[in-house]
Amino acid sequence: MTRQDQNVEVARYQKDIADRLGLDPQNLIFNYKQKNETVKLDLVTVNPKHDQSFLFHTETGTDKVDALKKMLEYINEHYHRESSLTIQWIKVGENKLHTSYFRAKNMYEALDKFYYGRDMGSYKIFSITLNPVS
């Protein structure tokens, strides 16, 4: 596959992921990190209400396309089977309470997603709630 073909396929998978999640592509960040013979993909969502970003999920593949395929598979097969959790939080120095929603295996994974790329001391968590199954 040529580099141009790969770029087109990457763009197509990124659009498919945004469509499947029902999100504006501007609210998704695809962070790729090459390590030896693998590519790690951290999919990050941006909440336009409070302009904060959170880790959605991480996948590893042989290249960008493979990592994106695995991300799409996760969304289609596993995402809705994980627990739904609500985290209420504030940024230190501000007084506005925010509510964010996560899918995770447990509250520790939800907190890892919340704190992805940020200083733990800059945020206060007020509650973590496991949402009822519908």
N, C-alpha and C. Protein backbone atom coordinates (compact mmCIF):
# COMPACT_ATOMS: atom_id res chain seq x y z
N MET A 1 0.85 -1.18 0.00
CA MET A 1 0.00 0.00 0.00
C MET A 1 0.89 1.24 0.00
N THR A 2 0.60 2.18 -0.90
CA THR A 2 1.40 3.40 -0.95
C THR A 2 1.06 4.29 0.25
N ARG A 3 1.92 5.22 0.52
CA ARG A 3 1.70 6.16 1.63
C ARG A 3 0.40 6.93 1.42
N GLN A 4 0.14 7.34 0.18
CA GLN A 4 -1.09 8.09 -0.12
C GLN A 4 -2.32 7.21 0.12
N ASP A 5 -2.25 5.94 -0.32
CA ASP A 5 -3.36 5.02 -0.09
C ASP A 5 -3.60 4.83 1.40
N GLN A 6 -2.51 4.72 2.15
CA GLN A 6 -2.63 4.55 3.60
C GLN A 6 -3.28 5.79 4.23
N ASN A 7 -2.88 6.99 3.78
CA ASN A 7 -3.47 8.22 4.32
C ASN A 7 -4.97 8.28 4.04
N VAL A 8 -5.38 7.86 2.85
CA VAL A 8 -6.80 7.85 2.50
C VAL A 8 -7.55 6.85 3.39
N GLU A 9 -6.96 5.69 3.60
CA GLU A 9 -7.60 4.68 4.45
C GLU A 9 -7.67 5.15 5.90
N VAL A 10 -6.63 5.80 6.39
CA VAL A 10 -6.64 6.36 7.75
C VAL A 10 -7.78 7.37 7.88
N ALA A 11 -7.91 8.27 6.91
CA ALA A 11 -8.98 9.28 6.95
C ALA A 11 -10.36 8.62 6.92
N ARG A 12 -10.51 7.57 6.12
CA ARG A 12 -11.80 6.88 6.05
C ARG A 12 -12.15 6.22 7.38
N TYR A 13 -11.18 5.55 8.01
CA TYR A 13 -11.44 4.93 9.31
C TYR A 13 -11.73 5.98 10.38
N GLN A 14 -11.03 7.08 10.36
CA GLN A 14 -11.28 8.13 11.35
C GLN A 14 -12.71 8.67 11.19
N LYS A 15 -13.16 8.85 9.96
CA LYS A 15 -14.52 9.31 9.71
C LYS A 15 -15.53 8.26 10.17
N ASP A 16 -15.26 6.98 9.87
CA ASP A 16 -16.15 5.89 10.30
C ASP A 16 -16.28 5.87 11.82
N ILE A 17 -15.18 6.07 12.52
CA ILE A 17 -15.20 6.08 13.99
C ILE A 17 -16.04 7.25 14.49
N ALA A 18 -15.85 8.43 13.94
CA ALA A 18 -16.64 9.60 14.35
C ALA A 18 -18.12 9.35 14.09
N ASP A 19 -18.45 8.80 12.92
CA ASP A 19 -19.84 8.50 12.59
C ASP A 19 -20.44 7.48 13.55
N ARG A 20 -19.69 6.43 13.83
CA ARG A 20 -20.19 5.36 14.72
C ARG A 20 -20.44 5.89 16.13
N LEU A 21 -19.59 6.83 16.57
CA LEU A 21 -19.77 7.41 17.91
C LEU A 21 -20.78 8.55 17.91
N GLY A 22 -21.17 9.00 16.72
CA GLY A 22 -22.13 10.11 16.63
C GLY A 22 -21.51 11.43 17.06
N LEU A 23 -20.21 11.57 16.84
CA LEU A 23 -19.50 12.79 17.25
C LEU A 23 -19.01 13.56 16.05
N ASP A 24 -18.92 14.86 16.21
CA ASP A 24 -18.31 15.71 15.20
C ASP A 24 -16.82 15.35 15.14
N PRO A 25 -16.27 15.12 13.96
CA PRO A 25 -14.85 14.78 13.87
C PRO A 25 -13.93 15.79 14.55
N GLN A 26 -14.37 17.04 14.67
CA GLN A 26 -13.57 18.06 15.35
C GLN A 26 -13.44 17.76 16.85
N ASN A 27 -14.33 16.90 17.38
CA ASN A 27 -14.30 16.57 18.80
C ASN A 27 -13.57 15.27 19.09
N LEU A 28 -12.81 14.80 18.10
CA LEU A 28 -11.99 13.60 18.27
C LEU A 28 -10.54 13.92 17.95
N ILE A 29 -9.64 13.40 18.77
CA ILE A 29 -8.21 13.53 18.54
C ILE A 29 -7.64 12.12 18.46
N PHE A 30 -6.94 11.85 17.37
CA PHE A 30 -6.30 10.55 17.17
C PHE A 30 -4.82 10.74 17.45
N ASN A 31 -4.37 10.29 18.63
CA ASN A 31 -2.95 10.41 19.01
C ASN A 31 -2.25 9.10 18.69
N TYR A 32 -1.30 9.15 17.74
CA TYR A 32 -0.53 7.98 17.34
C TYR A 32 0.87 8.08 17.90
N LYS A 33 1.36 6.97 18.43
CA LYS A 33 2.74 6.91 18.91
C LYS A 33 3.39 5.65 18.36
N GLN A 34 4.45 5.83 17.58
CA GLN A 34 5.20 4.70 17.02
C GLN A 34 6.17 4.22 18.07
N LYS A 35 6.17 2.91 18.34
CA LYS A 35 7.12 2.33 19.27
C LYS A 35 7.58 1.01 18.68
N ASN A 36 8.84 0.97 18.29
CA ASN A 36 9.41 -0.20 17.62
C ASN A 36 8.56 -0.56 16.41
N GLU A 37 8.00 -1.74 16.39
CA GLU A 37 7.22 -2.21 15.24
C GLU A 37 5.72 -2.06 15.44
N THR A 38 5.28 -1.28 16.43
CA THR A 38 3.85 -1.12 16.68
C THR A 38 3.47 0.36 16.74
N VAL A 39 2.19 0.59 16.57
CA VAL A 39 1.62 1.94 16.70
C VAL A 39 0.56 1.89 17.79
N LYS A 40 0.70 2.79 18.74
CA LYS A 40 -0.29 2.93 19.81
C LYS A 40 -1.21 4.09 19.43
N LEU A 41 -2.51 3.83 19.47
CA LEU A 41 -3.51 4.86 19.18
C LEU A 41 -4.28 5.17 20.45
N ASP A 42 -4.20 6.42 20.90
CA ASP A 42 -5.04 6.92 21.98
C ASP A 42 -6.11 7.77 21.33
N LEU A 43 -7.36 7.33 21.44
CA LEU A 43 -8.48 8.12 20.91
C LEU A 43 -8.98 9.00 22.04
N VAL A 44 -8.97 10.30 21.80
CA VAL A 44 -9.34 11.28 22.81
C VAL A 44 -10.58 12.03 22.33
N THR A 45 -11.55 12.23 23.23
CA THR A 45 -12.73 13.01 22.89
C THR A 45 -12.62 14.38 23.54
N VAL A 46 -13.17 15.37 22.87
CA VAL A 46 -13.18 16.74 23.39
C VAL A 46 -14.63 17.13 23.62
N ASN A 47 -14.92 17.55 24.85
CA ASN A 47 -16.28 17.98 25.17
C ASN A 47 -16.39 19.47 24.85
N PRO A 48 -17.23 19.84 23.90
CA PRO A 48 -17.31 21.25 23.50
C PRO A 48 -17.95 22.15 24.57
N LYS A 49 -18.69 21.57 25.53
CA LYS A 49 -19.31 22.39 26.58
C LYS A 49 -18.28 22.99 27.52
N HIS A 50 -17.33 22.17 27.97
CA HIS A 50 -16.32 22.69 28.90
C HIS A 50 -14.91 22.62 28.32
N ASP A 51 -14.80 22.28 27.05
CA ASP A 51 -13.53 22.31 26.33
C ASP A 51 -12.44 21.50 27.02
N GLN A 52 -12.81 20.34 27.53
CA GLN A 52 -11.86 19.43 28.15
C GLN A 52 -11.79 18.16 27.32
N SER A 53 -10.64 17.52 27.31
CA SER A 53 -10.47 16.28 26.56
C SER A 53 -10.25 15.12 27.52
N PHE A 54 -10.75 13.96 27.10
CA PHE A 54 -10.63 12.75 27.91
C PHE A 54 -10.29 11.57 27.01
N LEU A 55 -9.54 10.63 27.56
CA LEU A 55 -9.22 9.41 26.83
C LEU A 55 -10.49 8.61 26.62
N PHE A 56 -10.72 8.19 25.39
CA PHE A 56 -11.85 7.32 25.08
C PHE A 56 -11.41 5.86 25.19
N HIS A 57 -10.32 5.53 24.48
CA HIS A 57 -9.83 4.15 24.48
C HIS A 57 -8.45 4.12 23.82
N THR A 58 -7.68 3.09 24.13
CA THR A 58 -6.36 2.89 23.54
C THR A 58 -6.32 1.54 22.83
N GLU A 59 -5.74 1.53 21.64
CA GLU A 59 -5.51 0.30 20.88
C GLU A 59 -4.09 0.32 20.34
N THR A 60 -3.54 -0.86 20.10
CA THR A 60 -2.21 -1.00 19.51
C THR A 60 -2.32 -1.85 18.26
N GLY A 61 -1.60 -1.45 17.21
CA GLY A 61 -1.62 -2.20 15.96
C GLY A 61 -0.26 -2.20 15.30
N THR A 62 -0.19 -2.88 14.17
CA THR A 62 1.08 -2.95 13.43
C THR A 62 1.37 -1.65 12.69
N ASP A 63 0.30 -0.88 12.39
CA ASP A 63 0.42 0.44 11.77
C ASP A 63 -0.85 1.23 12.12
N LYS A 64 -0.97 2.44 11.59
CA LYS A 64 -2.12 3.28 11.91
C LYS A 64 -3.43 2.63 11.49
N VAL A 65 -3.45 2.06 10.29
CA VAL A 65 -4.67 1.44 9.78
C VAL A 65 -5.09 0.27 10.66
N ASP A 66 -4.16 -0.56 11.06
CA ASP A 66 -4.47 -1.70 11.92
C ASP A 66 -5.00 -1.23 13.27
N ALA A 67 -4.39 -0.21 13.85
CA ALA A 67 -4.85 0.33 15.13
C ALA A 67 -6.27 0.90 14.99
N LEU A 68 -6.54 1.58 13.87
CA LEU A 68 -7.88 2.13 13.64
C LEU A 68 -8.91 1.03 13.46
N LYS A 69 -8.55 -0.04 12.74
CA LYS A 69 -9.46 -1.18 12.59
C LYS A 69 -9.82 -1.77 13.94
N LYS A 70 -8.82 -1.91 14.80
CA LYS A 70 -9.05 -2.45 16.14
C LYS A 70 -9.92 -1.51 16.97
N MET A 71 -9.73 -0.19 16.80
CA MET A 71 -10.55 0.78 17.52
C MET A 71 -12.01 0.67 17.08
N LEU A 72 -12.23 0.56 15.79
CA LEU A 72 -13.59 0.42 15.27
C LEU A 72 -14.22 -0.88 15.76
N GLU A 73 -13.44 -1.95 15.80
CA GLU A 73 -13.93 -3.23 16.32
C GLU A 73 -14.32 -3.08 17.79
N TYR A 74 -13.47 -2.41 18.58
CA TYR A 74 -13.79 -2.17 20.00
C TYR A 74 -15.12 -1.42 20.12
N ILE A 75 -15.30 -0.38 19.33
CA ILE A 75 -16.52 0.41 19.40
C ILE A 75 -17.73 -0.44 19.04
N ASN A 76 -17.61 -1.23 18.00
CA ASN A 76 -18.74 -2.05 17.54
C ASN A 76 -19.05 -3.23 18.44
N GLU A 77 -18.01 -3.84 19.04
CA GLU A 77 -18.20 -5.09 19.78
C GLU A 77 -18.17 -4.98 21.30
N HIS A 78 -17.41 -4.03 21.83
CA HIS A 78 -17.17 -4.05 23.28
C HIS A 78 -17.62 -2.79 24.03
N TYR A 79 -17.58 -1.66 23.37
CA TYR A 79 -17.82 -0.38 24.04
C TYR A 79 -19.12 -0.36 24.85
N HIS A 80 -20.22 -0.79 24.26
CA HIS A 80 -21.51 -0.70 24.94
C HIS A 80 -21.70 -1.79 25.99
N ARG A 81 -20.77 -2.71 26.08
CA ARG A 81 -20.84 -3.74 27.12
C ARG A 81 -20.15 -3.28 28.41
N GLU A 82 -19.35 -2.22 28.32
CA GLU A 82 -18.66 -1.72 29.50
C GLU A 82 -19.62 -0.91 30.37
N SER A 83 -19.25 -0.75 31.62
CA SER A 83 -20.09 0.01 32.55
C SER A 83 -20.12 1.48 32.17
N SER A 84 -21.24 2.11 32.42
CA SER A 84 -21.39 3.55 32.23
C SER A 84 -21.20 4.22 33.59
N LEU A 85 -20.28 5.19 33.63
CA LEU A 85 -20.00 5.90 34.87
C LEU A 85 -20.10 7.40 34.67
N THR A 86 -20.49 8.10 35.71
CA THR A 86 -20.58 9.56 35.70
C THR A 86 -19.57 10.08 36.71
N ILE A 87 -18.77 11.05 36.29
CA ILE A 87 -17.81 11.70 37.19
C ILE A 87 -18.19 13.17 37.27
N GLN A 88 -18.36 13.67 38.51
CA GLN A 88 -18.58 15.09 38.73
C GLN A 88 -17.30 15.68 39.28
N TRP A 89 -16.89 16.82 38.70
CA TRP A 89 -15.56 17.35 38.99
C TRP A 89 -15.52 18.87 38.80
N ILE A 90 -14.48 19.48 39.37
CA ILE A 90 -14.17 20.88 39.11
C ILE A 90 -12.68 21.00 38.85
N LYS A 91 -12.32 22.04 38.13
CA LYS A 91 -10.92 22.38 37.95
C LYS A 91 -10.54 23.26 39.14
N VAL A 92 -9.42 22.97 39.79
CA VAL A 92 -8.98 23.72 40.96
C VAL A 92 -8.87 25.19 40.57
N GLY A 93 -9.42 26.06 41.42
CA GLY A 93 -9.40 27.50 41.16
C GLY A 93 -10.67 27.99 40.50
N GLU A 94 -11.50 27.08 40.06
CA GLU A 94 -12.80 27.44 39.48
C GLU A 94 -13.89 26.92 40.39
N ASN A 95 -15.10 27.41 40.20
CA ASN A 95 -16.18 26.94 41.07
C ASN A 95 -17.34 26.31 40.30
N LYS A 96 -17.15 26.01 39.03
CA LYS A 96 -18.21 25.41 38.23
C LYS A 96 -18.07 23.88 38.25
N LEU A 97 -19.13 23.23 38.70
CA LEU A 97 -19.16 21.77 38.74
C LEU A 97 -19.48 21.25 37.34
N HIS A 98 -18.70 20.29 36.88
CA HIS A 98 -18.90 19.67 35.56
C HIS A 98 -19.28 18.21 35.73
N THR A 99 -20.00 17.69 34.77
CA THR A 99 -20.37 16.28 34.75
C THR A 99 -19.87 15.67 33.44
N SER A 100 -19.14 14.57 33.56
CA SER A 100 -18.61 13.87 32.39
C SER A 100 -18.98 12.39 32.50
N TYR A 101 -19.18 11.78 31.34
CA TYR A 101 -19.62 10.38 31.27
C TYR A 101 -18.55 9.54 30.61
N PHE A 102 -18.36 8.33 31.13
CA PHE A 102 -17.33 7.42 30.65
C PHE A 102 -17.88 6.01 30.54
N ARG A 103 -17.30 5.25 29.64
CA ARG A 103 -17.51 3.80 29.58
C ARG A 103 -16.19 3.19 30.00
N ALA A 104 -16.24 2.29 30.96
CA ALA A 104 -15.01 1.69 31.47
C ALA A 104 -15.34 0.37 32.17
N LYS A 105 -14.30 -0.44 32.39
CA LYS A 105 -14.49 -1.71 33.09
C LYS A 105 -14.80 -1.50 34.56
N ASN A 106 -14.26 -0.41 35.13
CA ASN A 106 -14.47 -0.11 36.54
C ASN A 106 -14.14 1.37 36.79
N MET A 107 -14.30 1.81 38.03
CA MET A 107 -14.09 3.23 38.32
C MET A 107 -12.62 3.63 38.19
N TYR A 108 -11.71 2.71 38.41
CA TYR A 108 -10.29 3.04 38.27
C TYR A 108 -9.94 3.33 36.82
N GLU A 109 -10.48 2.55 35.91
CA GLU A 109 -10.24 2.80 34.50
C GLU A 109 -10.89 4.12 34.08
N ALA A 110 -12.07 4.43 34.62
CA ALA A 110 -12.72 5.71 34.32
C ALA A 110 -11.85 6.87 34.81
N LEU A 111 -11.26 6.73 35.98
CA LEU A 111 -10.38 7.78 36.49
C LEU A 111 -9.12 7.91 35.63
N ASP A 112 -8.58 6.80 35.16
CA ASP A 112 -7.43 6.86 34.25
C ASP A 112 -7.79 7.63 32.99
N LYS A 113 -8.99 7.39 32.47
CA LYS A 113 -9.44 8.10 31.28
C LYS A 113 -9.63 9.59 31.58
N PHE A 114 -10.16 9.89 32.76
CA PHE A 114 -10.36 11.28 33.16
C PHE A 114 -9.02 12.02 33.26
N TYR A 115 -8.05 11.41 33.93
CA TYR A 115 -6.76 12.07 34.20
C TYR A 115 -5.76 11.97 33.05
N TYR A 116 -6.12 11.36 31.96
CA TYR A 116 -5.21 11.20 30.82
C TYR A 116 -4.65 12.56 30.40
N GLY A 117 -3.33 12.69 30.45
CA GLY A 117 -2.66 13.89 30.00
C GLY A 117 -2.83 15.11 30.88
N ARG A 118 -3.28 14.93 32.09
CA ARG A 118 -3.46 16.09 32.97
C ARG A 118 -2.86 15.86 34.35
N ASP A 119 -2.61 16.95 35.03
CA ASP A 119 -2.06 16.94 36.38
C ASP A 119 -3.18 16.62 37.37
N MET A 120 -3.00 15.56 38.13
CA MET A 120 -4.05 15.12 39.07
C MET A 120 -4.37 16.20 40.10
N GLY A 121 -3.38 17.01 40.46
CA GLY A 121 -3.61 18.04 41.47
C GLY A 121 -4.40 19.24 40.97
N SER A 122 -4.69 19.28 39.68
CA SER A 122 -5.42 20.42 39.11
C SER A 122 -6.92 20.21 39.05
N TYR A 123 -7.38 19.03 39.49
CA TYR A 123 -8.82 18.71 39.42
C TYR A 123 -9.26 18.07 40.72
N LYS A 124 -10.50 18.35 41.09
CA LYS A 124 -11.11 17.70 42.26
C LYS A 124 -12.30 16.89 41.78
N ILE A 125 -12.32 15.64 42.18
CA ILE A 125 -13.43 14.75 41.86
C ILE A 125 -14.40 14.80 43.05
N PHE A 126 -15.66 15.07 42.76
CA PHE A 126 -16.66 15.11 43.81
C PHE A 126 -17.44 13.81 43.91
N SER A 127 -17.67 13.16 42.78
CA SER A 127 -18.37 11.88 42.84
C SER A 127 -18.09 11.06 41.59
N ILE A 128 -18.14 9.76 41.80
CA ILE A 128 -18.09 8.79 40.70
C ILE A 128 -19.28 7.87 40.93
N THR A 129 -20.12 7.79 39.92
CA THR A 129 -21.35 7.01 40.06
C THR A 129 -21.42 5.98 38.95
N LEU A 130 -21.73 4.76 39.34
CA LEU A 130 -22.01 3.71 38.36
C LEU A 130 -23.47 3.90 37.95
N ASN A 131 -23.68 4.11 36.65
CA ASN A 131 -25.03 4.36 36.17
C ASN A 131 -25.80 3.05 36.03
N PRO A 132 -27.13 3.10 36.24
CA PRO A 132 -27.93 1.89 36.12
C PRO A 132 -27.89 1.34 34.69
N VAL A 133 -28.02 0.05 34.58
CA VAL A 133 -28.08 -0.59 33.27
C VAL A 133 -29.48 -0.42 32.71
N SER A 134 -29.56 -0.04 31.43
CA SER A 134 -30.90 0.16 30.86
C SER A 134 -31.38 -1.07 30.12
